[in-house]
């Protein structure tokens, strides 16, 4: 199981249900949380069944722009445009 964070640009509280619905349809999903105040989704998934790219594509198919949060070896994170 793998847990990842995806930044989603310009989401509103009313967008959360449709984002959760589409994330929960991606193969391999175990859990998903969407936080419009933080502009992010946190997903846990079986990485043998799905990939982070599958979740990013599902979000992008709804018309949202995503950024992947990268973690470096020092433990800090930064956003990467996709």
Protein backbone atom coordinates (compact mmCIF):
# COMPACT_ATOMS: atom_id res chain seq x y z
CA UNK A 1 0.00 0.00 0.00
CA UNK A 2 1.22 3.48 -0.87
CA UNK A 3 0.01 6.90 0.31
CA UNK A 4 0.54 10.00 -1.84
CA UNK A 5 -0.50 13.63 -1.88
CA UNK A 6 -1.62 15.42 -5.04
CA UNK A 7 -2.04 19.21 -5.16
CA UNK A 8 -5.17 20.21 -7.09
CA UNK A 9 -5.31 23.81 -8.21
CA UNK A 10 -8.38 26.00 -7.73
CA UNK A 11 -10.78 23.60 -6.04
CA UNK A 12 -13.77 24.73 -3.98
CA UNK A 13 -15.62 22.96 -1.15
CA UNK A 14 -18.43 22.04 -3.54
CA UNK A 15 -15.88 20.23 -5.78
CA UNK A 16 -14.91 17.74 -3.06
CA UNK A 17 -17.75 15.20 -3.61
CA UNK A 18 -17.14 14.80 -7.36
CA UNK A 19 -13.37 14.52 -6.83
CA UNK A 20 -13.88 11.85 -4.16
CA UNK A 21 -16.29 9.99 -6.42
CA UNK A 22 -13.84 9.86 -9.33
CA UNK A 23 -10.86 8.96 -7.10
CA UNK A 24 -12.80 6.09 -5.54
CA UNK A 25 -13.43 4.64 -9.02
CA UNK A 26 -9.71 4.30 -9.86
CA UNK A 27 -8.47 0.71 -9.72
CA UNK A 28 -6.44 -0.03 -6.58
CA UNK A 29 -7.82 2.77 -4.38
CA UNK A 30 -7.95 2.04 -0.65
CA UNK A 31 -8.88 5.50 0.68
CA UNK A 32 -9.13 9.08 -0.54
CA UNK A 33 -9.47 12.45 1.15
CA UNK A 34 -9.95 15.78 -0.59
CA UNK A 35 -9.30 19.05 1.24
CA UNK A 36 -10.34 22.15 -0.69
CA UNK A 37 -8.79 24.48 1.90
CA UNK A 38 -5.38 22.87 1.33
CA UNK A 39 -6.04 22.28 -2.41
CA UNK A 40 -4.99 18.65 -2.15
CA UNK A 41 -6.01 15.03 -2.26
CA UNK A 42 -4.41 12.35 -0.13
CA UNK A 43 -4.81 8.87 -1.53
CA UNK A 44 -3.85 5.43 -0.33
CA UNK A 45 -3.73 2.73 -2.96
CA UNK A 46 -2.36 -0.66 -3.88
CA UNK A 47 0.57 0.26 -6.11
CA UNK A 48 0.52 -3.22 -7.65
CA UNK A 49 -2.96 -2.43 -9.01
CA UNK A 50 -2.78 1.29 -9.83
CA UNK A 51 -0.33 4.15 -10.15
CA UNK A 52 -0.24 7.73 -8.96
CA UNK A 53 -0.55 8.75 -12.60
CA UNK A 54 -3.92 6.98 -12.80
CA UNK A 55 -5.28 9.20 -10.03
CA UNK A 56 -3.77 12.36 -11.52
CA UNK A 57 -5.32 11.53 -14.89
CA UNK A 58 -8.74 10.97 -13.31
CA UNK A 59 -8.54 14.43 -11.67
CA UNK A 60 -7.34 16.05 -14.89
CA UNK A 61 -10.19 14.40 -16.82
CA UNK A 62 -12.58 16.41 -14.61
CA UNK A 63 -10.84 19.60 -15.79
CA UNK A 64 -8.54 20.27 -12.84
CA UNK A 65 -4.83 21.00 -12.96
CA UNK A 66 -2.66 18.87 -10.67
CA UNK A 67 0.79 19.11 -9.15
CA UNK A 68 2.59 16.13 -7.69
CA UNK A 69 4.13 16.71 -4.26
CA UNK A 70 7.67 15.34 -4.40
CA UNK A 71 9.54 14.27 -1.29
CA UNK A 72 13.32 14.56 -1.34
CA UNK A 73 15.71 12.51 0.79
CA UNK A 74 15.81 15.19 3.49
CA UNK A 75 12.08 14.73 4.12
CA UNK A 76 10.98 18.09 2.74
CA UNK A 77 8.51 18.33 -0.10
CA UNK A 78 7.90 20.54 -3.09
CA UNK A 79 5.37 20.76 -5.90
CA UNK A 80 6.08 19.66 -9.45
CA UNK A 81 3.97 20.77 -12.41
CA UNK A 82 2.45 17.90 -14.39
